[in-house]
Amino acid sequence: MSRALSPDLDCIVAVEQVTDYLEGALPLEARTEFEQHLVSCPGCVIYLRQVRAQVAASGKLAEPRPVAEEVTRKLLEMFHASRGG
C-alpha cells in the first residue's frame, strides 16, 4: 500500500480487509499496514470494534437457550385443550 494514497482510500482498503484481519488471513505485510492504519484512524478502530461485536453477538444466536418451565406448561395446557382433553 502506497503512503501516497489519500486517507479515505486507506479507510476503504481497511474496511475491505476487516474480515481477513479478524480471521488471521491477512499476509504479514498487509496485517502490519492494517494495524498501522488503525493507529492513526479512530473511525476504522470504531468500525473494527463494531464488526467484532457483531461477530460475537451472532455467535450467541446459535447457542441453545432452555425454555422456561412455565412456557412448557402453558404450551402443554394449550395442546391438551385443543385436543379436547
PDB file of N, CA and C in Angstrom:
ATOM      1  N   MET A   1       0.849  -1.168   0.000  1.00  0.00           N
ATOM      2  CA  MET A   1       0.000   0.000   0.000  1.00  0.00           C
ATOM      3  C   MET A   1       0.893   1.229   0.000  1.00  0.00           C
ATOM      4  N   SER A   2       0.636   2.121  -0.880  1.00  0.00           N
ATOM      5  CA  SER A   2       1.452   3.316  -1.010  1.00  0.00           C
ATOM      6  C   SER A   2       1.037   4.350   0.027  1.00  0.00           C
ATOM      7  N   ARG A   3       2.002   5.028   0.598  1.00  0.00           N
ATOM      8  CA  ARG A   3       1.704   6.095   1.557  1.00  0.00           C
ATOM      9  C   ARG A   3       1.170   7.330   0.844  1.00  0.00           C
ATOM     10  N   ALA A   4       1.204   7.331  -0.512  1.00  0.00           N
ATOM     11  CA  ALA A   4       0.671   8.452  -1.270  1.00  0.00           C
ATOM     12  C   ALA A   4      -0.850   8.382  -1.395  1.00  0.00           C
ATOM     13  N   LEU A   5      -1.451   7.298  -0.957  1.00  0.00           N
ATOM     14  CA  LEU A   5      -2.897   7.159  -1.030  1.00  0.00           C
ATOM     15  C   LEU A   5      -3.569   8.154  -0.092  1.00  0.00           C
ATOM     16  N   SER A   6      -4.755   8.614  -0.500  1.00  0.00           N
ATOM     17  CA  SER A   6      -5.489   9.525   0.370  1.00  0.00           C
ATOM     18  C   SER A   6      -5.955   8.766   1.604  1.00  0.00           C
ATOM     19  N   PRO A   7      -6.163   9.454   2.714  1.00  0.00           N
ATOM     20  CA  PRO A   7      -6.649   8.780   3.923  1.00  0.00           C
ATOM     21  C   PRO A   7      -7.974   8.050   3.707  1.00  0.00           C
ATOM     22  N   ASP A   8      -8.866   8.637   2.880  1.00  0.00           N
ATOM     23  CA  ASP A   8     -10.149   7.981   2.610  1.00  0.00           C
ATOM     24  C   ASP A   8      -9.945   6.656   1.902  1.00  0.00           C
ATOM     25  N   LEU A   9      -9.006   6.623   0.946  1.00  0.00           N
ATOM     26  CA  LEU A   9      -8.741   5.388   0.223  1.00  0.00           C
ATOM     27  C   LEU A   9      -8.150   4.353   1.177  1.00  0.00           C
ATOM     28  N   ASP A  10      -7.300   4.786   2.107  1.00  0.00           N
ATOM     29  CA  ASP A  10      -6.766   3.871   3.122  1.00  0.00           C
ATOM     30  C   ASP A  10      -7.905   3.264   3.938  1.00  0.00           C
ATOM     31  N   CYS A  11      -8.916   4.060   4.261  1.00  0.00           N
ATOM     32  CA  CYS A  11     -10.057   3.562   5.024  1.00  0.00           C
ATOM     33  C   CYS A  11     -10.853   2.555   4.206  1.00  0.00           C
ATOM     34  N   ILE A  12     -11.027   2.824   2.934  1.00  0.00           N
ATOM     35  CA  ILE A  12     -11.754   1.885   2.076  1.00  0.00           C
ATOM     36  C   ILE A  12     -11.033   0.549   2.046  1.00  0.00           C
ATOM     37  N   VAL A  13      -9.726   0.583   1.908  1.00  0.00           N
ATOM     38  CA  VAL A  13      -8.931  -0.651   1.894  1.00  0.00           C
ATOM     39  C   VAL A  13      -9.038  -1.345   3.245  1.00  0.00           C
ATOM     40  N   ALA A  14      -8.963  -0.582   4.325  1.00  0.00           N
ATOM     41  CA  ALA A  14      -9.044  -1.170   5.668  1.00  0.00           C
ATOM     42  C   ALA A  14     -10.391  -1.852   5.876  1.00  0.00           C
ATOM     43  N   VAL A  15     -11.475  -1.204   5.457  1.00  0.00           N
ATOM     44  CA  VAL A  15     -12.810  -1.791   5.612  1.00  0.00           C
ATOM     45  C   VAL A  15     -12.904  -3.096   4.824  1.00  0.00           C
ATOM     46  N   GLU A  16     -12.319  -3.115   3.646  1.00  0.00           N
ATOM     47  CA  GLU A  16     -12.345  -4.328   2.827  1.00  0.00           C
ATOM     48  C   GLU A  16     -11.538  -5.461   3.465  1.00  0.00           C
ATOM     49  N   GLN A  17     -10.581  -5.120   4.309  1.00  0.00           N
ATOM     50  CA  GLN A  17      -9.694  -6.129   4.903  1.00  0.00           C
ATOM     51  C   GLN A  17     -10.113  -6.580   6.299  1.00  0.00           C
ATOM     52  N   VAL A  18     -11.132  -5.969   6.868  1.00  0.00           N
ATOM     53  CA  VAL A  18     -11.512  -6.258   8.256  1.00  0.00           C
ATOM     54  C   VAL A  18     -11.765  -7.745   8.493  1.00  0.00           C
ATOM     55  N   THR A  19     -12.532  -8.382   7.639  1.00  0.00           N
ATOM     56  CA  THR A  19     -12.850  -9.801   7.838  1.00  0.00           C
ATOM     57  C   THR A  19     -11.594 -10.651   7.796  1.00  0.00           C
ATOM     58  N   ASP A  20     -10.747 -10.415   6.791  1.00  0.00           N
ATOM     59  CA  ASP A  20      -9.500 -11.178   6.701  1.00  0.00           C
ATOM     60  C   ASP A  20      -8.622 -10.915   7.921  1.00  0.00           C
ATOM     61  N   TYR A  21      -8.609  -9.676   8.400  1.00  0.00           N
ATOM     62  CA  TYR A  21      -7.822  -9.344   9.586  1.00  0.00           C
ATOM     63  C   TYR A  21      -8.315 -10.133  10.800  1.00  0.00           C
ATOM     64  N   LEU A  22      -9.620 -10.124  11.013  1.00  0.00           N
ATOM     65  CA  LEU A  22     -10.183 -10.819  12.171  1.00  0.00           C
ATOM     66  C   LEU A  22      -9.996 -12.335  12.088  1.00  0.00           C
ATOM     67  N   GLU A  23      -9.982 -12.857  10.874  1.00  0.00           N
ATOM     68  CA  GLU A  23      -9.790 -14.300  10.691  1.00  0.00           C
ATOM     69  C   GLU A  23      -8.329 -14.701  10.654  1.00  0.00           C
ATOM     70  N   GLY A  24      -7.425 -13.711  10.740  1.00  0.00           N
ATOM     71  CA  GLY A  24      -5.998 -14.011  10.693  1.00  0.00           C
ATOM     72  C   GLY A  24      -5.533 -14.432   9.304  1.00  0.00           C
ATOM     73  N   ALA A  25      -6.267 -13.994   8.277  1.00  0.00           N
ATOM     74  CA  ALA A  25      -5.961 -14.422   6.907  1.00  0.00           C
ATOM     75  C   ALA A  25      -5.127 -13.409   6.127  1.00  0.00           C
ATOM     76  N   LEU A  26      -4.821 -12.260   6.731  1.00  0.00           N
ATOM     77  CA  LEU A  26      -4.002 -11.279   6.027  1.00  0.00           C
ATOM     78  C   LEU A  26      -2.534 -11.688   6.074  1.00  0.00           C
ATOM     79  N   PRO A  27      -1.836 -11.535   4.959  1.00  0.00           N
ATOM     80  CA  PRO A  27      -0.385 -11.758   4.993  1.00  0.00           C
ATOM     81  C   PRO A  27       0.254 -10.758   5.965  1.00  0.00           C
ATOM     82  N   LEU A  28       1.408 -11.085   6.461  1.00  0.00           N
ATOM     83  CA  LEU A  28       2.060 -10.275   7.492  1.00  0.00           C
ATOM     84  C   LEU A  28       2.196  -8.808   7.088  1.00  0.00           C
ATOM     85  N   GLU A  29       2.611  -8.534   5.868  1.00  0.00           N
ATOM     86  CA  GLU A  29       2.791  -7.142   5.438  1.00  0.00           C
ATOM     87  C   GLU A  29       1.461  -6.388   5.426  1.00  0.00           C
ATOM     88  N   ALA A  30       0.421  -7.022   4.916  1.00  0.00           N
ATOM     89  CA  ALA A  30      -0.893  -6.382   4.877  1.00  0.00           C
ATOM     90  C   ALA A  30      -1.431  -6.177   6.288  1.00  0.00           C
ATOM     91  N   ARG A  31      -1.195  -7.155   7.166  1.00  0.00           N
ATOM     92  CA  ARG A  31      -1.639  -7.034   8.560  1.00  0.00           C
ATOM     93  C   ARG A  31      -0.939  -5.861   9.245  1.00  0.00           C
ATOM     94  N   THR A  32       0.355  -5.730   8.994  1.00  0.00           N
ATOM     95  CA  THR A  32       1.124  -4.634   9.575  1.00  0.00           C
ATOM     96  C   THR A  32       0.599  -3.293   9.084  1.00  0.00           C
ATOM     97  N   GLU A  33       0.335  -3.184   7.780  1.00  0.00           N
ATOM     98  CA  GLU A  33      -0.193  -1.941   7.223  1.00  0.00           C
ATOM     99  C   GLU A  33      -1.583  -1.639   7.792  1.00  0.00           C
ATOM    100  N   PHE A  34      -2.390  -2.674   7.943  1.00  0.00           N
ATOM    101  CA  PHE A  34      -3.725  -2.509   8.512  1.00  0.00           C
ATOM    102  C   PHE A  34      -3.604  -1.954   9.927  1.00  0.00           C
ATOM    103  N   GLU A  35      -2.761  -2.551  10.733  1.00  0.00           N
ATOM    104  CA  GLU A  35      -2.594  -2.112  12.122  1.00  0.00           C
ATOM    105  C   GLU A  35      -1.994  -0.715  12.203  1.00  0.00           C
ATOM    106  N   GLN A  36      -1.082  -0.375  11.285  1.00  0.00           N
ATOM    107  CA  GLN A  36      -0.533   0.987  11.252  1.00  0.00           C
ATOM    108  C   GLN A  36      -1.634   1.990  10.921  1.00  0.00           C
ATOM    109  N   HIS A  37      -2.525   1.606  10.041  1.00  0.00           N
ATOM    110  CA  HIS A  37      -3.645   2.487   9.711  1.00  0.00           C
ATOM    111  C   HIS A  37      -4.520   2.712  10.946  1.00  0.00           C
ATOM    112  N   LEU A  38      -4.749   1.656  11.724  1.00  0.00           N
ATOM    113  CA  LEU A  38      -5.586   1.781  12.916  1.00  0.00           C
ATOM    114  C   LEU A  38      -5.008   2.773  13.921  1.00  0.00           C
ATOM    115  N   VAL A  39      -3.690   2.852  13.985  1.00  0.00           N
ATOM    116  CA  VAL A  39      -3.037   3.761  14.928  1.00  0.00           C
ATOM    117  C   VAL A  39      -3.444   5.208  14.669  1.00  0.00           C
ATOM    118  N   SER A  40      -3.662   5.538  13.394  1.00  0.00           N
ATOM    119  CA  SER A  40      -3.962   6.931  13.063  1.00  0.00           C
ATOM    120  C   SER A  40      -5.407   7.167  12.633  1.00  0.00           C
ATOM    121  N   CYS A  41      -6.265   6.151  12.750  1.00  0.00           N
ATOM    122  CA  CYS A  41      -7.637   6.320  12.257  1.00  0.00           C
ATOM    123  C   CYS A  41      -8.661   5.821  13.278  1.00  0.00           C
ATOM    124  N   PRO A  42      -9.149   6.710  14.130  1.00  0.00           N
ATOM    125  CA  PRO A  42     -10.133   6.292  15.129  1.00  0.00           C
ATOM    126  C   PRO A  42     -11.432   5.766  14.501  1.00  0.00           C
ATOM    127  N   GLY A  43     -11.795   6.239  13.322  1.00  0.00           N
ATOM    128  CA  GLY A  43     -13.001   5.757  12.656  1.00  0.00           C
ATOM    129  C   GLY A  43     -12.912   4.282  12.306  1.00  0.00           C
ATOM    130  N   CYS A  44     -11.752   3.854  11.830  1.00  0.00           N
ATOM    131  CA  CYS A  44     -11.571   2.441  11.491  1.00  0.00           C
ATOM    132  C   CYS A  44     -11.468   1.576  12.749  1.00  0.00           C
ATOM    133  N   VAL A  45     -10.946   2.138  13.826  1.00  0.00           N
ATOM    134  CA  VAL A  45     -10.908   1.413  15.098  1.00  0.00           C
ATOM    135  C   VAL A  45     -12.343   1.158  15.569  1.00  0.00           C
ATOM    136  N   ILE A  46     -13.182   2.169  15.460  1.00  0.00           N
ATOM    137  CA  ILE A  46     -14.594   2.015  15.845  1.00  0.00           C
ATOM    138  C   ILE A  46     -15.257   0.964  14.965  1.00  0.00           C
ATOM    139  N   TYR A  47     -14.992   1.030  13.658  1.00  0.00           N
ATOM    140  CA  TYR A  47     -15.581   0.057  12.737  1.00  0.00           C
ATOM    141  C   TYR A  47     -15.135  -1.360  13.089  1.00  0.00           C
ATOM    142  N   LEU A  48     -13.857  -1.531  13.373  1.00  0.00           N
ATOM    143  CA  LEU A  48     -13.332  -2.848  13.756  1.00  0.00           C
ATOM    144  C   LEU A  48     -14.022  -3.346  15.023  1.00  0.00           C
ATOM    145  N   ARG A  49     -14.214  -2.480  16.012  1.00  0.00           N
ATOM    146  CA  ARG A  49     -14.925  -2.866  17.250  1.00  0.00           C
ATOM    147  C   ARG A  49     -16.359  -3.283  16.956  1.00  0.00           C
ATOM    148  N   GLN A  50     -17.020  -2.546  16.046  1.00  0.00           N
ATOM    149  CA  GLN A  50     -18.397  -2.873  15.701  1.00  0.00           C
ATOM    150  C   GLN A  50     -18.491  -4.242  15.032  1.00  0.00           C
ATOM    151  N   VAL A  51     -17.566  -4.529  14.129  1.00  0.00           N
ATOM    152  CA  VAL A  51     -17.581  -5.825  13.449  1.00  0.00           C
ATOM    153  C   VAL A  51     -17.316  -6.941  14.455  1.00  0.00           C
ATOM    154  N   ARG A  52     -16.360  -6.721  15.356  1.00  0.00           N
ATOM    155  CA  ARG A  52     -16.092  -7.727  16.403  1.00  0.00           C
ATOM    156  C   ARG A  52     -17.339  -7.966  17.247  1.00  0.00           C
ATOM    157  N   ALA A  53     -18.033  -6.897  17.602  1.00  0.00           N
ATOM    158  CA  ALA A  53     -19.253  -7.030  18.414  1.00  0.00           C
ATOM    159  C   ALA A  53     -20.336  -7.780  17.650  1.00  0.00           C
ATOM    160  N   GLN A  54     -20.470  -7.509  16.353  1.00  0.00           N
ATOM    161  CA  GLN A  54     -21.455  -8.221  15.540  1.00  0.00           C
ATOM    162  C   GLN A  54     -21.136  -9.707  15.460  1.00  0.00           C
ATOM    163  N   VAL A  55     -19.865 -10.021  15.284  1.00  0.00           N
ATOM    164  CA  VAL A  55     -19.460 -11.427  15.222  1.00  0.00           C
ATOM    165  C   VAL A  55     -19.769 -12.118  16.547  1.00  0.00           C
ATOM    166  N   ALA A  56     -19.446 -11.455  17.650  1.00  0.00           N
ATOM    167  CA  ALA A  56     -19.719 -12.038  18.970  1.00  0.00           C
ATOM    168  C   ALA A  56     -21.213 -12.216  19.192  1.00  0.00           C
ATOM    169  N   ALA A  57     -21.997 -11.224  18.812  1.00  0.00           N
ATOM    170  CA  ALA A  57     -23.448 -11.306  19.007  1.00  0.00           C
ATOM    171  C   ALA A  57     -24.060 -12.396  18.136  1.00  0.00           C
ATOM    172  N   SER A  58     -23.612 -12.504  16.905  1.00  0.00           N
ATOM    173  CA  SER A  58     -24.188 -13.526  16.027  1.00  0.00           C
ATOM    174  C   SER A  58     -23.817 -14.925  16.491  1.00  0.00           C
ATOM    175  N   GLY A  59     -22.675 -15.071  17.121  1.00  0.00           N
ATOM    176  CA  GLY A  59     -22.289 -16.366  17.676  1.00  0.00           C
ATOM    177  C   GLY A  59     -23.211 -16.790  18.807  1.00  0.00           C
ATOM    178  N   LYS A  60     -23.711 -15.830  19.549  1.00  0.00           N
ATOM    179  CA  LYS A  60     -24.619 -16.139  20.661  1.00  0.00           C
ATOM    180  C   LYS A  60     -26.001 -16.555  20.180  1.00  0.00           C
ATOM    181  N   LEU A  61     -26.354 -16.168  18.959  1.00  0.00           N
ATOM    182  CA  LEU A  61     -27.663 -16.549  18.427  1.00  0.00           C
ATOM    183  C   LEU A  61     -27.778 -18.055  18.256  1.00  0.00           C
ATOM    184  N   ALA A  62     -26.676 -18.718  18.022  1.00  0.00           N
ATOM    185  CA  ALA A  62     -26.692 -20.158  17.797  1.00  0.00           C
ATOM    186  C   ALA A  62     -26.720 -20.961  19.098  1.00  0.00           C
ATOM    187  N   GLU A  63     -26.466 -20.305  20.213  1.00  0.00           N
ATOM    188  CA  GLU A  63     -26.445 -21.007  21.487  1.00  0.00           C
ATOM    189  C   GLU A  63     -27.874 -21.369  21.899  1.00  0.00           C
ATOM    190  N   PRO A  64     -28.110 -22.630  22.217  1.00  0.00           N
ATOM    191  CA  PRO A  64     -29.464 -23.009  22.638  1.00  0.00           C
ATOM    192  C   PRO A  64     -29.793 -22.403  24.007  1.00  0.00           C
ATOM    193  N   ARG A  65     -31.036 -21.997  24.137  1.00  0.00           N
ATOM    194  CA  ARG A  65     -31.485 -21.448  25.415  1.00  0.00           C
ATOM    195  C   ARG A  65     -32.607 -22.333  25.927  1.00  0.00           C
ATOM    196  N   PRO A  66     -32.553 -22.708  27.180  1.00  0.00           N
ATOM    197  CA  PRO A  66     -33.620 -23.559  27.717  1.00  0.00           C
ATOM    198  C   PRO A  66     -34.949 -22.809  27.763  1.00  0.00           C
ATOM    199  N   VAL A  67     -36.004 -23.535  27.534  1.00  0.00           N
ATOM    200  CA  VAL A  67     -37.348 -22.965  27.601  1.00  0.00           C
ATOM    201  C   VAL A  67     -37.787 -22.961  29.065  1.00  0.00           C
ATOM    202  N   ALA A  68     -38.362 -21.858  29.476  1.00  0.00           N
ATOM    203  CA  ALA A  68     -38.832 -21.747  30.853  1.00  0.00           C
ATOM    204  C   ALA A  68     -39.921 -22.785  31.114  1.00  0.00           C
ATOM    205  N   GLU A  69     -39.917 -23.340  32.322  1.00  0.00           N
ATOM    206  CA  GLU A  69     -40.905 -24.370  32.682  1.00  0.00           C
ATOM    207  C   GLU A  69     -42.335 -23.866  32.508  1.00  0.00           C
ATOM    208  N   GLU A  70     -42.576 -22.622  32.827  1.00  0.00           N
ATOM    209  CA  GLU A  70     -43.922 -22.059  32.699  1.00  0.00           C
ATOM    210  C   GLU A  70     -44.368 -22.050  31.234  1.00  0.00           C
ATOM    211  N   VAL A  71     -43.466 -21.755  30.337  1.00  0.00           N
ATOM    212  CA  VAL A  71     -43.799 -21.754  28.907  1.00  0.00           C
ATOM    213  C   VAL A  71     -44.157 -23.168  28.470  1.00  0.00           C
ATOM    214  N   THR A  72     -43.357 -24.133  28.872  1.00  0.00           N
ATOM    215  CA  THR A  72     -43.634 -25.529  28.522  1.00  0.00           C
ATOM    216  C   THR A  72     -44.988 -25.958  29.068  1.00  0.00           C
ATOM    217  N   ARG A  73     -45.263 -25.602  30.328  1.00  0.00           N
ATOM    218  CA  ARG A  73     -46.538 -25.969  30.949  1.00  0.00           C
ATOM    219  C   ARG A  73     -47.714 -25.355  30.200  1.00  0.00           C
ATOM    220  N   LYS A  74     -47.627 -24.067  29.854  1.00  0.00           N
ATOM    221  CA  LYS A  74     -48.726 -23.397  29.152  1.00  0.00           C
ATOM    222  C   LYS A  74     -48.929 -23.984  27.758  1.00  0.00           C
ATOM    223  N   LEU A  75     -47.843 -24.301  27.076  1.00  0.00           N
ATOM    224  CA  LEU A  75     -47.969 -24.916  25.754  1.00  0.00           C
ATOM    225  C   LEU A  75     -48.652 -26.276  25.843  1.00  0.00           C
ATOM    226  N   LEU A  76     -48.282 -27.058  26.857  1.00  0.00           N
ATOM    227  CA  LEU A  76     -48.934 -28.357  27.039  1.00  0.00           C
ATOM    228  C   LEU A  76     -50.405 -28.199  27.364  1.00  0.00           C
ATOM    229  N   GLU A  77     -50.734 -27.211  28.195  1.00  0.00           N
ATOM    230  CA  GLU A  77     -52.131 -26.953  28.513  1.00  0.00           C
ATOM    231  C   GLU A  77     -52.908 -26.577  27.268  1.00  0.00           C
ATOM    232  N   MET A  78     -52.331 -25.719  26.425  1.00  0.00           N
ATOM    233  CA  MET A  78     -52.982 -25.307  25.183  1.00  0.00           C
ATOM    234  C   MET A  78     -53.156 -26.508  24.248  1.00  0.00           C
ATOM    235  N   PHE A  79     -52.160 -27.345  24.185  1.00  0.00           N
ATOM    236  CA  PHE A  79     -52.229 -28.528  23.323  1.00  0.00           C
ATOM    237  C   PHE A  79     -53.343 -29.445  23.796  1.00  0.00           C
ATOM    238  N   HIS A  80     -53.368 -29.722  25.088  1.00  0.00           N
ATOM    239  CA  HIS A  80     -54.397 -30.608  25.638  1.00  0.00           C
ATOM    240  C   HIS A  80     -55.798 -30.016  25.447  1.00  0.00           C
ATOM    241  N   ALA A  81     -55.915 -28.712  25.615  1.00  0.00           N
ATOM    242  CA  ALA A  81     -57.207 -28.033  25.439  1.00  0.00           C
ATOM    243  C   ALA A  81     -57.653 -28.121  23.978  1.00  0.00           C
ATOM    244  N   SER A  82     -56.731 -28.031  23.056  1.00  0.00           N
ATOM    245  CA  SER A  82     -57.100 -28.086  21.631  1.00  0.00           C
ATOM    246  C   SER A  82     -57.485 -29.505  21.207  1.00  0.00           C
ATOM    247  N   ARG A  83     -57.045 -30.490  21.960  1.00  0.00           N
ATOM    248  CA  ARG A  83     -57.355 -31.883  21.659  1.00  0.00           C
ATOM    249  C   ARG A  83     -58.625 -32.344  22.379  1.00  0.00           C
ATOM    250  N   GLY A  84     -59.234 -31.419  23.088  1.00  0.00           N
ATOM    251  CA  GLY A  84     -60.474 -31.762  23.789  1.00  0.00           C
ATOM    252  C   GLY A  84     -60.222 -32.475  25.119  1.00  0.00           C
ATOM    253  N   GLY A  85     -59.019 -32.339  25.620  1.00  0.00           N
ATOM    254  CA  GLY A  85     -58.703 -33.075  26.836  1.00  0.00           C
ATOM    255  C   GLY A  85     -58.530 -32.207  27.961  1.00  0.00           C
TER     256      GLY A  85
END
